[in-house]
N, C-alpha and C. Protein backbone atom coordinates (compact mmCIF):
# COMPACT_ATOMS: atom_id res chain seq x y z
N UNK A 1 22.80 43.16 -47.60
CA UNK A 1 23.40 41.90 -47.21
C UNK A 1 22.31 40.97 -46.69
N UNK A 2 22.29 39.74 -47.17
CA UNK A 2 21.24 38.79 -46.80
C UNK A 2 21.65 38.05 -45.53
N UNK A 3 20.75 37.99 -44.59
CA UNK A 3 20.99 37.23 -43.36
C UNK A 3 20.63 35.78 -43.64
N UNK A 4 21.65 34.91 -43.73
CA UNK A 4 21.42 33.51 -44.10
C UNK A 4 20.65 32.77 -43.01
N UNK A 5 20.89 33.14 -41.72
CA UNK A 5 20.15 32.47 -40.63
C UNK A 5 18.66 32.72 -40.74
N UNK A 6 18.29 33.97 -41.00
CA UNK A 6 16.88 34.33 -41.13
C UNK A 6 16.27 33.61 -42.32
N UNK A 7 17.00 33.56 -43.42
CA UNK A 7 16.50 32.92 -44.63
C UNK A 7 16.26 31.43 -44.41
N UNK A 8 17.22 30.76 -43.76
CA UNK A 8 17.05 29.32 -43.53
C UNK A 8 15.91 29.04 -42.55
N UNK A 9 15.71 29.94 -41.55
CA UNK A 9 14.58 29.77 -40.61
C UNK A 9 13.26 29.88 -41.34
N UNK A 10 13.18 30.83 -42.25
CA UNK A 10 11.93 31.01 -43.01
C UNK A 10 11.66 29.79 -43.87
N UNK A 11 12.73 29.22 -44.45
CA UNK A 11 12.55 28.03 -45.28
C UNK A 11 12.04 26.86 -44.44
N UNK A 12 12.62 26.72 -43.21
CA UNK A 12 12.16 25.64 -42.33
C UNK A 12 10.70 25.81 -41.95
N UNK A 13 10.33 27.07 -41.61
CA UNK A 13 8.93 27.34 -41.26
C UNK A 13 8.01 27.06 -42.43
N UNK A 14 8.44 27.47 -43.62
CA UNK A 14 7.61 27.24 -44.80
C UNK A 14 7.43 25.75 -45.04
N UNK A 15 8.50 24.97 -44.86
CA UNK A 15 8.40 23.52 -45.05
C UNK A 15 7.48 22.90 -44.01
N UNK A 16 7.58 23.36 -42.76
CA UNK A 16 6.71 22.83 -41.71
C UNK A 16 5.25 23.19 -41.99
N UNK A 17 5.01 24.45 -42.42
CA UNK A 17 3.65 24.88 -42.72
C UNK A 17 3.07 24.07 -43.87
N UNK A 18 3.89 23.81 -44.86
CA UNK A 18 3.44 23.03 -46.01
C UNK A 18 3.08 21.61 -45.59
N UNK A 19 3.93 21.00 -44.74
CA UNK A 19 3.67 19.64 -44.27
C UNK A 19 2.39 19.59 -43.45
N UNK A 20 2.18 20.62 -42.61
CA UNK A 20 0.97 20.66 -41.80
C UNK A 20 -0.28 20.81 -42.66
N UNK A 21 -0.18 21.64 -43.68
CA UNK A 21 -1.33 21.83 -44.57
C UNK A 21 -1.66 20.55 -45.33
N UNK A 22 -0.61 19.86 -45.79
CA UNK A 22 -0.84 18.61 -46.53
C UNK A 22 -1.47 17.56 -45.62
N UNK A 23 -0.99 17.50 -44.37
CA UNK A 23 -1.56 16.53 -43.42
C UNK A 23 -3.02 16.85 -43.14
N UNK A 24 -3.32 18.12 -42.94
CA UNK A 24 -4.70 18.54 -42.66
C UNK A 24 -5.61 18.22 -43.84
N UNK A 25 -5.13 18.47 -45.06
CA UNK A 25 -5.93 18.17 -46.24
C UNK A 25 -6.18 16.67 -46.37
N UNK A 26 -5.14 15.87 -46.04
CA UNK A 26 -5.31 14.41 -46.14
C UNK A 26 -6.34 13.92 -45.15
N UNK A 27 -6.32 14.48 -43.94
CA UNK A 27 -7.31 14.08 -42.93
C UNK A 27 -8.71 14.47 -43.33
N UNK A 28 -8.86 15.71 -43.78
CA UNK A 28 -10.19 16.19 -44.15
C UNK A 28 -10.71 15.48 -45.39
N UNK A 29 -9.80 15.16 -46.32
CA UNK A 29 -10.23 14.50 -47.56
C UNK A 29 -10.69 13.08 -47.31
N UNK A 30 -10.13 12.44 -46.24
CA UNK A 30 -10.48 11.04 -45.97
C UNK A 30 -11.77 10.90 -45.17
N UNK A 31 -12.31 12.00 -44.69
CA UNK A 31 -13.53 11.95 -43.89
C UNK A 31 -14.66 12.70 -44.61
N UNK A 32 -15.79 12.02 -44.63
CA UNK A 32 -16.95 12.69 -45.23
C UNK A 32 -17.49 13.73 -44.26
N UNK A 33 -17.96 14.82 -44.80
CA UNK A 33 -18.55 15.86 -43.96
C UNK A 33 -19.86 15.34 -43.36
N UNK A 34 -20.17 15.83 -42.19
CA UNK A 34 -21.41 15.43 -41.53
C UNK A 34 -22.59 15.94 -42.36
N UNK A 35 -23.54 15.07 -42.66
CA UNK A 35 -24.66 15.50 -43.52
C UNK A 35 -25.65 16.36 -42.75
N UNK A 36 -25.84 17.56 -43.25
CA UNK A 36 -26.79 18.45 -42.58
C UNK A 36 -28.23 18.18 -43.03
N UNK A 37 -28.34 17.53 -44.16
CA UNK A 37 -29.67 17.21 -44.66
C UNK A 37 -30.13 15.88 -44.09
N UNK A 38 -31.32 15.80 -43.49
CA UNK A 38 -31.79 14.52 -42.92
C UNK A 38 -31.89 13.42 -43.95
N UNK A 39 -32.12 13.78 -45.20
CA UNK A 39 -32.26 12.76 -46.25
C UNK A 39 -30.95 12.04 -46.49
N UNK A 40 -29.83 12.70 -46.25
CA UNK A 40 -28.52 12.10 -46.51
C UNK A 40 -27.93 11.41 -45.27
N UNK A 41 -28.57 11.55 -44.15
CA UNK A 41 -27.97 11.07 -42.90
C UNK A 41 -27.95 9.55 -42.78
N UNK A 42 -28.91 8.85 -43.41
CA UNK A 42 -28.98 7.39 -43.24
C UNK A 42 -27.73 6.70 -43.78
N UNK A 43 -27.25 7.12 -44.95
CA UNK A 43 -26.02 6.52 -45.51
C UNK A 43 -24.83 6.82 -44.62
N UNK A 44 -24.77 8.04 -44.11
CA UNK A 44 -23.63 8.44 -43.26
C UNK A 44 -23.57 7.57 -42.00
N UNK A 45 -24.73 7.39 -41.36
CA UNK A 45 -24.75 6.60 -40.12
C UNK A 45 -24.55 5.11 -40.40
N UNK A 46 -24.99 4.64 -41.54
CA UNK A 46 -24.76 3.24 -41.90
C UNK A 46 -23.27 2.97 -42.06
N UNK A 47 -22.57 3.89 -42.74
CA UNK A 47 -21.12 3.75 -42.90
C UNK A 47 -20.40 3.84 -41.56
N UNK A 48 -20.86 4.74 -40.69
CA UNK A 48 -20.24 4.87 -39.36
C UNK A 48 -20.43 3.60 -38.55
N UNK A 49 -21.62 2.98 -38.69
CA UNK A 49 -21.89 1.74 -37.97
C UNK A 49 -20.99 0.61 -38.46
N UNK A 50 -20.82 0.53 -39.79
CA UNK A 50 -19.94 -0.50 -40.36
C UNK A 50 -18.51 -0.31 -39.87
N UNK A 51 -18.05 0.96 -39.86
CA UNK A 51 -16.69 1.24 -39.39
C UNK A 51 -16.54 0.85 -37.92
N UNK A 52 -17.58 1.12 -37.13
CA UNK A 52 -17.54 0.75 -35.72
C UNK A 52 -17.52 -0.76 -35.52
N UNK A 53 -18.29 -1.48 -36.34
CA UNK A 53 -18.31 -2.94 -36.26
C UNK A 53 -16.95 -3.54 -36.57
N UNK A 54 -16.23 -2.90 -37.50
CA UNK A 54 -14.90 -3.40 -37.86
C UNK A 54 -13.92 -3.25 -36.70
N UNK A 55 -14.16 -2.25 -35.84
CA UNK A 55 -13.28 -2.02 -34.69
C UNK A 55 -13.66 -2.87 -33.48
N UNK A 56 -14.83 -3.48 -33.52
CA UNK A 56 -15.31 -4.23 -32.35
C UNK A 56 -14.46 -5.48 -32.13
N UNK A 57 -14.35 -5.86 -30.83
CA UNK A 57 -13.61 -7.06 -30.47
C UNK A 57 -14.51 -8.28 -30.58
N UNK A 58 -13.93 -9.37 -30.97
CA UNK A 58 -14.65 -10.64 -30.91
C UNK A 58 -14.67 -11.11 -29.46
N UNK A 59 -15.53 -12.08 -29.17
CA UNK A 59 -15.60 -12.62 -27.81
C UNK A 59 -14.25 -13.20 -27.39
N UNK A 60 -13.58 -13.86 -28.34
CA UNK A 60 -12.29 -14.47 -28.03
C UNK A 60 -11.24 -13.40 -27.72
N UNK A 61 -11.24 -12.31 -28.51
CA UNK A 61 -10.28 -11.23 -28.27
C UNK A 61 -10.55 -10.54 -26.93
N UNK A 62 -11.85 -10.33 -26.63
CA UNK A 62 -12.21 -9.70 -25.36
C UNK A 62 -11.79 -10.57 -24.18
N UNK A 63 -11.99 -11.90 -24.31
CA UNK A 63 -11.61 -12.81 -23.24
C UNK A 63 -10.10 -12.81 -23.03
N UNK A 64 -9.35 -12.82 -24.14
CA UNK A 64 -7.90 -12.80 -24.06
C UNK A 64 -7.39 -11.50 -23.42
N UNK A 65 -8.00 -10.38 -23.81
CA UNK A 65 -7.61 -9.10 -23.22
C UNK A 65 -7.89 -9.05 -21.73
N UNK A 66 -9.05 -9.60 -21.33
CA UNK A 66 -9.40 -9.61 -19.91
C UNK A 66 -8.44 -10.49 -19.12
N UNK A 67 -8.07 -11.64 -19.70
CA UNK A 67 -7.13 -12.54 -19.01
C UNK A 67 -5.76 -11.87 -18.83
N UNK A 68 -5.34 -11.15 -19.86
CA UNK A 68 -4.05 -10.45 -19.76
C UNK A 68 -4.09 -9.38 -18.69
N UNK A 69 -5.19 -8.59 -18.68
CA UNK A 69 -5.33 -7.54 -17.66
C UNK A 69 -5.40 -8.14 -16.26
N UNK A 70 -6.14 -9.24 -16.10
CA UNK A 70 -6.25 -9.88 -14.79
C UNK A 70 -4.90 -10.37 -14.30
N UNK A 71 -4.11 -10.94 -15.22
CA UNK A 71 -2.79 -11.44 -14.83
C UNK A 71 -1.89 -10.30 -14.37
N UNK A 72 -1.98 -9.16 -15.07
CA UNK A 72 -1.17 -8.00 -14.68
C UNK A 72 -1.60 -7.47 -13.31
N UNK A 73 -2.91 -7.41 -13.08
CA UNK A 73 -3.41 -6.94 -11.78
C UNK A 73 -3.03 -7.89 -10.66
N UNK A 74 -3.12 -9.20 -10.93
CA UNK A 74 -2.72 -10.19 -9.92
C UNK A 74 -1.25 -10.05 -9.56
N UNK A 75 -0.44 -9.77 -10.58
CA UNK A 75 1.00 -9.60 -10.33
C UNK A 75 1.25 -8.39 -9.45
N UNK A 76 0.57 -7.27 -9.78
CA UNK A 76 0.77 -6.05 -9.00
C UNK A 76 0.25 -6.20 -7.58
N UNK A 77 -1.00 -6.67 -7.44
CA UNK A 77 -1.59 -6.79 -6.12
C UNK A 77 -0.94 -7.91 -5.33
N UNK A 78 -0.61 -9.01 -6.01
CA UNK A 78 0.04 -10.12 -5.34
C UNK A 78 1.38 -9.72 -4.78
N UNK A 79 2.11 -8.85 -5.53
CA UNK A 79 3.39 -8.36 -5.03
C UNK A 79 3.23 -7.51 -3.80
N UNK A 80 2.16 -6.66 -3.80
CA UNK A 80 1.94 -5.82 -2.62
C UNK A 80 1.57 -6.65 -1.41
N UNK A 81 0.70 -7.67 -1.63
CA UNK A 81 0.30 -8.53 -0.50
C UNK A 81 1.50 -9.32 0.00
N UNK A 82 2.30 -9.83 -0.96
CA UNK A 82 3.47 -10.61 -0.57
C UNK A 82 4.46 -9.76 0.20
N UNK A 83 4.60 -8.48 -0.24
CA UNK A 83 5.49 -7.58 0.48
C UNK A 83 5.02 -7.33 1.89
N UNK A 84 3.67 -7.15 2.06
CA UNK A 84 3.14 -6.95 3.39
C UNK A 84 3.30 -8.18 4.26
N UNK A 85 3.08 -9.37 3.66
CA UNK A 85 3.24 -10.61 4.42
C UNK A 85 4.69 -10.81 4.82
N UNK A 86 5.61 -10.47 3.91
CA UNK A 86 7.04 -10.61 4.23
C UNK A 86 7.43 -9.68 5.37
N UNK A 87 6.90 -8.44 5.35
CA UNK A 87 7.19 -7.50 6.43
C UNK A 87 6.66 -7.99 7.76
N UNK A 88 5.46 -8.58 7.74
CA UNK A 88 4.86 -9.12 8.96
C UNK A 88 5.69 -10.28 9.50
N UNK A 89 6.16 -11.15 8.60
CA UNK A 89 6.97 -12.29 9.01
C UNK A 89 8.30 -11.82 9.61
N UNK A 90 8.89 -10.78 9.00
CA UNK A 90 10.15 -10.24 9.52
C UNK A 90 9.96 -9.67 10.92
N UNK A 91 8.86 -8.94 11.10
CA UNK A 91 8.57 -8.36 12.41
C UNK A 91 8.36 -9.46 13.46
N UNK A 92 7.60 -10.48 13.11
CA UNK A 92 7.35 -11.58 14.06
C UNK A 92 8.64 -12.30 14.41
N UNK A 93 9.52 -12.48 13.41
CA UNK A 93 10.79 -13.13 13.66
C UNK A 93 11.67 -12.31 14.60
N UNK A 94 11.69 -10.98 14.39
CA UNK A 94 12.49 -10.10 15.25
C UNK A 94 11.95 -10.11 16.67
N UNK A 95 10.63 -10.11 16.80
CA UNK A 95 10.01 -10.11 18.13
C UNK A 95 10.30 -11.43 18.85
N UNK A 96 10.20 -12.54 18.12
CA UNK A 96 10.48 -13.85 18.72
C UNK A 96 11.95 -13.94 19.16
N UNK A 97 12.84 -13.35 18.39
CA UNK A 97 14.26 -13.39 18.75
C UNK A 97 14.53 -12.54 19.99
N UNK A 98 13.86 -11.41 20.09
CA UNK A 98 14.10 -10.50 21.22
C UNK A 98 13.54 -11.07 22.52
N UNK A 99 12.39 -11.73 22.46
CA UNK A 99 11.72 -12.18 23.69
C UNK A 99 11.80 -13.68 23.89
N UNK A 100 12.44 -14.38 22.94
CA UNK A 100 12.68 -15.81 23.05
C UNK A 100 11.40 -16.57 23.36
N UNK A 101 11.48 -17.53 24.27
CA UNK A 101 10.35 -18.43 24.51
C UNK A 101 9.29 -17.83 25.42
N UNK A 102 9.53 -16.63 25.94
CA UNK A 102 8.55 -16.05 26.87
C UNK A 102 7.26 -15.63 26.18
N UNK A 103 7.29 -15.56 24.85
CA UNK A 103 6.07 -15.25 24.08
C UNK A 103 5.73 -16.44 23.21
N UNK A 104 4.46 -16.85 23.22
CA UNK A 104 4.03 -17.92 22.32
C UNK A 104 3.85 -17.35 20.92
N UNK A 105 3.76 -18.22 19.93
CA UNK A 105 3.59 -17.78 18.54
C UNK A 105 2.27 -17.03 18.36
N UNK A 106 1.22 -17.48 19.05
CA UNK A 106 -0.08 -16.81 18.96
C UNK A 106 0.00 -15.39 19.52
N UNK A 107 0.68 -15.25 20.65
CA UNK A 107 0.83 -13.92 21.27
C UNK A 107 1.62 -13.00 20.35
N UNK A 108 2.68 -13.52 19.76
CA UNK A 108 3.49 -12.72 18.83
C UNK A 108 2.65 -12.25 17.65
N UNK A 109 1.85 -13.16 17.09
CA UNK A 109 1.02 -12.81 15.94
C UNK A 109 -0.01 -11.74 16.30
N UNK A 110 -0.63 -11.87 17.48
CA UNK A 110 -1.64 -10.90 17.91
C UNK A 110 -1.02 -9.52 18.14
N UNK A 111 0.12 -9.48 18.81
CA UNK A 111 0.76 -8.19 19.12
C UNK A 111 1.22 -7.50 17.85
N UNK A 112 1.85 -8.24 16.92
CA UNK A 112 2.34 -7.60 15.69
C UNK A 112 1.18 -7.09 14.83
N UNK A 113 0.10 -7.87 14.77
CA UNK A 113 -1.06 -7.44 13.97
C UNK A 113 -1.65 -6.16 14.54
N UNK A 114 -1.83 -6.10 15.85
CA UNK A 114 -2.40 -4.91 16.48
C UNK A 114 -1.46 -3.71 16.39
N UNK A 115 -0.17 -3.94 16.54
CA UNK A 115 0.80 -2.84 16.48
C UNK A 115 0.76 -2.17 15.11
N UNK A 116 0.66 -2.96 14.05
CA UNK A 116 0.58 -2.38 12.71
C UNK A 116 -0.69 -1.57 12.52
N UNK A 117 -1.75 -1.92 13.24
CA UNK A 117 -3.02 -1.20 13.12
C UNK A 117 -3.02 0.13 13.88
N UNK A 118 -2.37 0.15 15.06
CA UNK A 118 -2.51 1.31 15.94
C UNK A 118 -1.38 2.33 15.83
N UNK A 119 -0.28 1.94 15.17
CA UNK A 119 0.93 2.77 15.27
C UNK A 119 0.74 4.16 14.68
N UNK A 120 -0.12 4.33 13.70
CA UNK A 120 -0.31 5.64 13.07
C UNK A 120 -1.66 6.27 13.39
N UNK A 121 -2.30 5.80 14.45
CA UNK A 121 -3.63 6.33 14.78
C UNK A 121 -3.57 7.65 15.52
N UNK A 122 -2.41 7.99 16.09
CA UNK A 122 -2.30 9.22 16.88
C UNK A 122 -2.86 9.09 18.29
N UNK A 123 -3.28 7.91 18.68
CA UNK A 123 -3.79 7.71 20.03
C UNK A 123 -2.63 7.69 21.02
N UNK A 124 -2.89 7.98 22.31
CA UNK A 124 -1.82 7.95 23.31
C UNK A 124 -1.14 6.59 23.32
N UNK A 125 0.15 6.60 23.60
CA UNK A 125 0.94 5.37 23.55
C UNK A 125 0.42 4.32 24.51
N UNK A 126 -0.03 4.73 25.70
CA UNK A 126 -0.57 3.77 26.66
C UNK A 126 -1.77 3.03 26.07
N UNK A 127 -2.64 3.75 25.37
CA UNK A 127 -3.81 3.12 24.74
C UNK A 127 -3.37 2.15 23.65
N UNK A 128 -2.35 2.53 22.90
CA UNK A 128 -1.83 1.65 21.86
C UNK A 128 -1.30 0.35 22.46
N UNK A 129 -0.57 0.47 23.57
CA UNK A 129 -0.03 -0.72 24.23
C UNK A 129 -1.15 -1.65 24.68
N UNK A 130 -2.17 -1.08 25.29
CA UNK A 130 -3.28 -1.89 25.80
C UNK A 130 -4.02 -2.56 24.64
N UNK A 131 -4.21 -1.84 23.53
CA UNK A 131 -4.87 -2.42 22.36
C UNK A 131 -4.09 -3.62 21.84
N UNK A 132 -2.76 -3.52 21.87
CA UNK A 132 -1.91 -4.61 21.38
C UNK A 132 -2.03 -5.88 22.21
N UNK A 133 -2.32 -5.74 23.51
CA UNK A 133 -2.33 -6.92 24.39
C UNK A 133 -3.72 -7.33 24.85
N UNK A 134 -4.74 -6.56 24.48
CA UNK A 134 -6.08 -6.84 25.01
C UNK A 134 -6.57 -8.23 24.61
N UNK A 135 -6.32 -8.66 23.39
CA UNK A 135 -6.76 -9.99 22.96
C UNK A 135 -6.00 -11.10 23.67
N UNK A 136 -4.79 -10.79 24.12
CA UNK A 136 -3.94 -11.78 24.79
C UNK A 136 -4.25 -11.88 26.28
N UNK A 137 -4.43 -10.71 26.91
CA UNK A 137 -4.65 -10.65 28.37
C UNK A 137 -6.14 -10.44 28.65
N UNK A 138 -6.93 -11.44 28.33
CA UNK A 138 -8.38 -11.30 28.42
C UNK A 138 -8.87 -11.19 29.86
N UNK A 139 -8.10 -11.67 30.83
CA UNK A 139 -8.56 -11.65 32.22
C UNK A 139 -8.25 -10.35 32.93
N UNK A 140 -7.66 -9.40 32.23
CA UNK A 140 -7.25 -8.15 32.87
C UNK A 140 -8.21 -7.01 32.55
N UNK A 141 -8.39 -6.14 33.55
CA UNK A 141 -9.18 -4.94 33.37
C UNK A 141 -8.30 -3.85 32.73
N UNK A 142 -8.91 -3.02 31.89
CA UNK A 142 -8.14 -1.97 31.21
C UNK A 142 -7.48 -1.00 32.20
N UNK A 143 -8.16 -0.75 33.31
CA UNK A 143 -7.60 0.16 34.31
C UNK A 143 -6.29 -0.39 34.89
N UNK A 144 -6.28 -1.68 35.20
CA UNK A 144 -5.06 -2.31 35.72
C UNK A 144 -3.96 -2.33 34.66
N UNK A 145 -4.34 -2.59 33.42
CA UNK A 145 -3.35 -2.60 32.35
C UNK A 145 -2.76 -1.19 32.14
N UNK A 146 -3.61 -0.18 32.33
CA UNK A 146 -3.12 1.19 32.16
C UNK A 146 -2.05 1.53 33.20
N UNK A 147 -2.26 1.07 34.42
CA UNK A 147 -1.27 1.30 35.48
C UNK A 147 0.05 0.62 35.12
N UNK A 148 -0.04 -0.59 34.59
CA UNK A 148 1.18 -1.33 34.23
C UNK A 148 1.83 -0.76 32.96
N UNK A 149 1.03 -0.20 32.06
CA UNK A 149 1.57 0.31 30.80
C UNK A 149 2.20 1.69 30.95
N UNK A 150 1.80 2.42 32.01
CA UNK A 150 2.24 3.82 32.14
C UNK A 150 3.77 3.98 32.12
N UNK A 151 4.54 3.20 32.90
CA UNK A 151 6.00 3.38 32.86
C UNK A 151 6.59 3.14 31.47
N UNK A 152 6.05 2.15 30.76
CA UNK A 152 6.54 1.86 29.41
C UNK A 152 6.13 2.96 28.43
N UNK A 153 4.94 3.49 28.61
CA UNK A 153 4.45 4.53 27.69
C UNK A 153 5.18 5.84 27.89
N UNK A 154 5.58 6.15 29.12
CA UNK A 154 6.24 7.43 29.40
C UNK A 154 7.75 7.37 29.25
N UNK A 155 8.29 6.17 29.01
CA UNK A 155 9.72 6.08 28.74
C UNK A 155 10.00 6.77 27.42
N UNK A 156 11.04 7.57 27.37
CA UNK A 156 11.37 8.30 26.15
C UNK A 156 11.78 7.32 25.06
N UNK A 157 11.42 7.65 23.81
CA UNK A 157 11.75 6.80 22.69
C UNK A 157 13.26 6.61 22.59
N UNK A 158 13.69 5.37 22.47
CA UNK A 158 15.12 5.08 22.39
C UNK A 158 15.73 4.78 23.74
N UNK A 159 15.00 5.04 24.81
CA UNK A 159 15.52 4.74 26.15
C UNK A 159 15.17 3.30 26.50
N UNK A 160 16.17 2.46 26.61
CA UNK A 160 15.97 1.02 26.75
C UNK A 160 15.92 0.54 28.19
N UNK A 161 16.27 1.42 29.16
CA UNK A 161 16.41 0.94 30.53
C UNK A 161 15.13 0.34 31.09
N UNK A 162 14.01 1.07 30.96
CA UNK A 162 12.75 0.59 31.53
C UNK A 162 12.29 -0.66 30.81
N UNK A 163 12.45 -0.67 29.49
CA UNK A 163 12.05 -1.85 28.72
C UNK A 163 12.88 -3.07 29.12
N UNK A 164 14.18 -2.87 29.23
CA UNK A 164 15.05 -3.99 29.63
C UNK A 164 14.74 -4.46 31.05
N UNK A 165 14.47 -3.50 31.94
CA UNK A 165 14.16 -3.86 33.32
C UNK A 165 12.87 -4.67 33.39
N UNK A 166 11.89 -4.29 32.56
CA UNK A 166 10.63 -5.02 32.54
C UNK A 166 10.83 -6.43 32.02
N UNK A 167 11.61 -6.55 30.95
CA UNK A 167 11.86 -7.87 30.37
C UNK A 167 12.63 -8.75 31.37
N UNK A 168 13.63 -8.17 32.01
CA UNK A 168 14.46 -8.94 32.94
C UNK A 168 13.72 -9.33 34.21
N UNK A 169 12.60 -8.65 34.49
CA UNK A 169 11.83 -8.98 35.68
C UNK A 169 10.95 -10.21 35.48
N UNK A 170 10.90 -10.70 34.26
CA UNK A 170 10.06 -11.86 33.93
C UNK A 170 10.96 -13.07 33.73
N UNK A 171 10.60 -14.18 34.32
CA UNK A 171 11.39 -15.42 34.20
C UNK A 171 11.51 -15.85 32.75
N UNK A 172 12.64 -16.42 32.41
CA UNK A 172 12.90 -16.90 31.05
C UNK A 172 12.37 -18.32 30.91
N UNK A 173 11.03 -18.40 30.89
CA UNK A 173 10.37 -19.71 30.73
C UNK A 173 9.27 -19.55 29.68
N UNK A 174 8.67 -20.69 29.32
CA UNK A 174 7.60 -20.67 28.32
C UNK A 174 6.44 -19.79 28.79
N UNK A 175 5.71 -19.22 27.81
CA UNK A 175 4.57 -18.34 28.09
C UNK A 175 3.58 -19.00 29.05
N UNK A 176 3.26 -20.25 28.80
CA UNK A 176 2.26 -20.93 29.62
C UNK A 176 2.71 -21.09 31.07
N UNK A 177 4.02 -21.10 31.30
CA UNK A 177 4.54 -21.28 32.66
C UNK A 177 4.62 -19.97 33.43
N UNK A 178 4.41 -18.85 32.77
CA UNK A 178 4.48 -17.55 33.45
C UNK A 178 3.22 -17.30 34.25
N UNK A 179 3.36 -16.54 35.32
CA UNK A 179 2.19 -16.13 36.10
C UNK A 179 1.43 -15.06 35.30
N UNK A 180 0.15 -14.82 35.64
CA UNK A 180 -0.60 -13.79 34.95
C UNK A 180 0.09 -12.43 35.00
N UNK A 181 0.70 -12.07 36.14
CA UNK A 181 1.41 -10.80 36.27
C UNK A 181 2.60 -10.76 35.30
N UNK A 182 3.34 -11.86 35.23
CA UNK A 182 4.49 -11.91 34.33
C UNK A 182 4.04 -11.84 32.86
N UNK A 183 2.94 -12.52 32.56
CA UNK A 183 2.41 -12.46 31.20
C UNK A 183 2.04 -11.03 30.82
N UNK A 184 1.41 -10.32 31.74
CA UNK A 184 1.02 -8.94 31.46
C UNK A 184 2.25 -8.07 31.26
N UNK A 185 3.27 -8.23 32.10
CA UNK A 185 4.49 -7.43 31.98
C UNK A 185 5.20 -7.67 30.65
N UNK A 186 5.38 -8.96 30.32
CA UNK A 186 6.14 -9.28 29.12
C UNK A 186 5.36 -8.91 27.86
N UNK A 187 4.02 -9.07 27.90
CA UNK A 187 3.20 -8.71 26.74
C UNK A 187 3.23 -7.20 26.49
N UNK A 188 3.13 -6.40 27.55
CA UNK A 188 3.20 -4.95 27.39
C UNK A 188 4.58 -4.50 26.91
N UNK A 189 5.62 -5.15 27.45
CA UNK A 189 6.98 -4.83 26.99
C UNK A 189 7.14 -5.18 25.52
N UNK A 190 6.59 -6.32 25.11
CA UNK A 190 6.66 -6.72 23.71
C UNK A 190 5.88 -5.75 22.82
N UNK A 191 4.74 -5.28 23.33
CA UNK A 191 3.95 -4.31 22.57
C UNK A 191 4.72 -3.01 22.38
N UNK A 192 5.39 -2.54 23.44
CA UNK A 192 6.18 -1.31 23.33
C UNK A 192 7.33 -1.50 22.34
N UNK A 193 8.01 -2.63 22.44
CA UNK A 193 9.13 -2.92 21.55
C UNK A 193 8.65 -2.98 20.09
N UNK A 194 7.49 -3.61 19.88
CA UNK A 194 6.95 -3.77 18.52
C UNK A 194 6.53 -2.44 17.93
N UNK A 195 5.88 -1.61 18.72
CA UNK A 195 5.46 -0.28 18.24
C UNK A 195 6.69 0.55 17.85
N UNK A 196 7.73 0.51 18.68
CA UNK A 196 8.97 1.24 18.36
C UNK A 196 9.57 0.70 17.05
N UNK A 197 9.55 -0.62 16.90
CA UNK A 197 10.13 -1.25 15.71
C UNK A 197 9.37 -0.82 14.46
N UNK A 198 8.04 -0.89 14.51
CA UNK A 198 7.22 -0.52 13.34
C UNK A 198 7.41 0.95 12.99
N UNK A 199 7.48 1.79 14.03
CA UNK A 199 7.68 3.23 13.81
C UNK A 199 9.02 3.51 13.13
N UNK A 200 10.06 2.84 13.60
CA UNK A 200 11.39 3.04 13.02
C UNK A 200 11.46 2.56 11.58
N UNK A 201 10.79 1.44 11.28
CA UNK A 201 10.81 0.91 9.92
C UNK A 201 10.06 1.83 8.96
N UNK A 202 9.07 2.55 9.48
CA UNK A 202 8.27 3.44 8.62
C UNK A 202 8.99 4.75 8.31
N UNK A 203 10.02 5.07 9.06
CA UNK A 203 10.74 6.34 8.87
C UNK A 203 11.72 6.25 7.71
């Protein structure tokens, strides 16, 4: 008794083998063998050079290809930069809304920029807070800032009481009208709030 499944499989394999052999013969037949004799090599290399010249790009084609590639790269990189700028703008807007007029636009920009830099450094939170406000509070010594930052740094993540108490201890007036002590308090509170915000957005 003939097994029809086996027979049809063999026929398929034979057809595939035949097609592969024909393809291999066509490829080999279309290519000249490499000349082992030095006397025959000049014609072989001349033909190879002509074939290579036919594949070469003209200056116009090369320029067009480069322009297309540049446009694609600009789109990709421009999107990444725009996304980063949009995230920065969102963060600054959220910070301005939370702290209202007690922070100037320059202070907000400085704190958000520094927070994005330090949030994943693994440095102690108190150091991160001081780094965020150092450009803003130029008249303060780091030791004094560390004393002021300690309660905010040791507050457990998600615990709003100390942060709210610090914010509420500062008058709701323009940044320039605040005393140096109030500026230091509100800037450190803003730094803590910003670091928490950036951390949460990254999760």
